[in-house]
Protein backbone atom coordinates (compact mmCIF):
# COMPACT_ATOMS: atom_id res chain seq x y z
CA ARG A 1 -4.27 -20.30 -3.08
CA GLY A 2 -1.16 -22.11 -2.02
CA ARG A 3 1.01 -19.18 -3.06
CA ILE A 4 1.31 -17.41 0.27
CA ALA A 5 5.07 -16.86 -0.13
CA ASP A 6 4.45 -15.11 -3.46
CA ALA A 7 1.73 -12.99 -1.91
CA ILE A 8 4.07 -11.93 0.89
CA VAL A 9 6.64 -10.79 -1.65
CA HIS A 10 4.01 -8.73 -3.49
CA TYR A 11 2.62 -7.16 -0.30
CA ARG A 12 6.14 -6.15 0.72
CA GLN A 13 6.67 -4.61 -2.73
CA ALA A 14 3.40 -2.69 -2.44
CA ILE A 15 4.48 -1.36 0.96
CA ALA A 16 7.86 -0.33 -0.44
CA LEU A 17 6.09 1.64 -3.17
CA ASN A 18 3.52 3.15 -0.81
CA PRO A 19 4.43 2.98 2.90
CA ASP A 20 1.00 4.37 3.85
CA PHE A 21 -0.95 1.52 2.19
CA ALA A 22 -2.74 0.16 5.26
CA LEU A 23 -4.47 -2.66 3.41
CA ALA A 24 -1.13 -4.02 2.16
CA TYR A 25 0.11 -4.22 5.76
CA ALA A 26 -3.13 -5.93 6.79
CA ASN A 27 -2.92 -8.44 3.96
CA LEU A 28 0.75 -9.07 4.72
CA GLY A 29 -0.18 -9.72 8.33
CA ASP A 30 -2.88 -12.17 7.27
CA ALA A 31 -0.46 -14.02 4.99
CA LEU A 32 2.17 -14.21 7.72
CA LEU A 33 -0.42 -15.54 10.13
CA ILE A 34 -1.30 -18.29 7.65
CA GLN A 35 2.39 -19.21 7.64
CA GLY A 36 2.33 -19.42 11.43
CA LYS A 37 4.45 -16.28 11.89
CA SER A 38 2.21 -14.66 14.47
CA ASP A 39 4.92 -12.37 15.91
CA GLU A 40 5.61 -10.76 12.55
CA ALA A 41 1.89 -10.73 11.72
CA VAL A 42 1.18 -8.71 14.87
CA VAL A 43 3.75 -6.09 13.85
CA GLN A 44 2.27 -5.71 10.36
CA LEU A 45 -1.31 -5.62 11.57
CA GLN A 46 -0.49 -3.02 14.21
CA LYS A 47 1.11 -0.90 11.47
CA ALA A 48 -2.04 -1.23 9.35
CA LEU A 49 -4.15 0.00 12.26
CA GLU A 50 -1.72 2.82 12.99
CA ILE A 51 -2.25 4.05 9.44
CA ASP A 52 -6.01 3.37 9.35
CA PRO A 53 -7.60 2.81 12.78
CA HIS A 54 -10.95 2.08 11.11
CA LEU A 55 -9.69 -0.96 9.19
CA ASN A 56 -11.87 -3.50 10.98
CA ALA A 57 -10.52 -6.52 9.10
CA ALA A 58 -7.05 -5.69 10.41
CA ARG A 59 -8.39 -5.38 13.95
CA GLN A 60 -9.98 -8.83 13.73
CA SER A 61 -6.82 -10.32 12.23
CA LEU A 62 -4.75 -8.71 14.98
CA ASP A 63 -6.96 -10.38 17.58
CA ASN A 64 -6.38 -13.71 15.80
CA ALA A 65 -2.62 -13.16 15.70
CA LEU A 66 -2.49 -12.24 19.39
CA ASN A 67 -4.51 -15.35 20.23
CA ALA A 68 -2.07 -17.44 18.19
CA GLN A 69 0.82 -15.95 20.16
CA GLN A 70 -0.86 -16.81 23.44
CA ARG A 71 -1.52 -20.40 22.36
CA ARG A 72 2.12 -20.75 21.35
CA ASN A 73 3.42 -19.43 24.68
């Protein structure tokens, strides 16, 4: 809690070590969304779903990120 920036660093490191780690992309997207970075969150969440289309948590988070983008625009 309260260490979103640290989490983002660790998720990026996990992705660098294993570029096919869908859950790391999904978690990165969630963390970015918490920071209000919906554009970047969408990219990461789409990548998670590209790797694992059955990752329902990422699908729900992607919907949230897209809604955040719409509210912003």
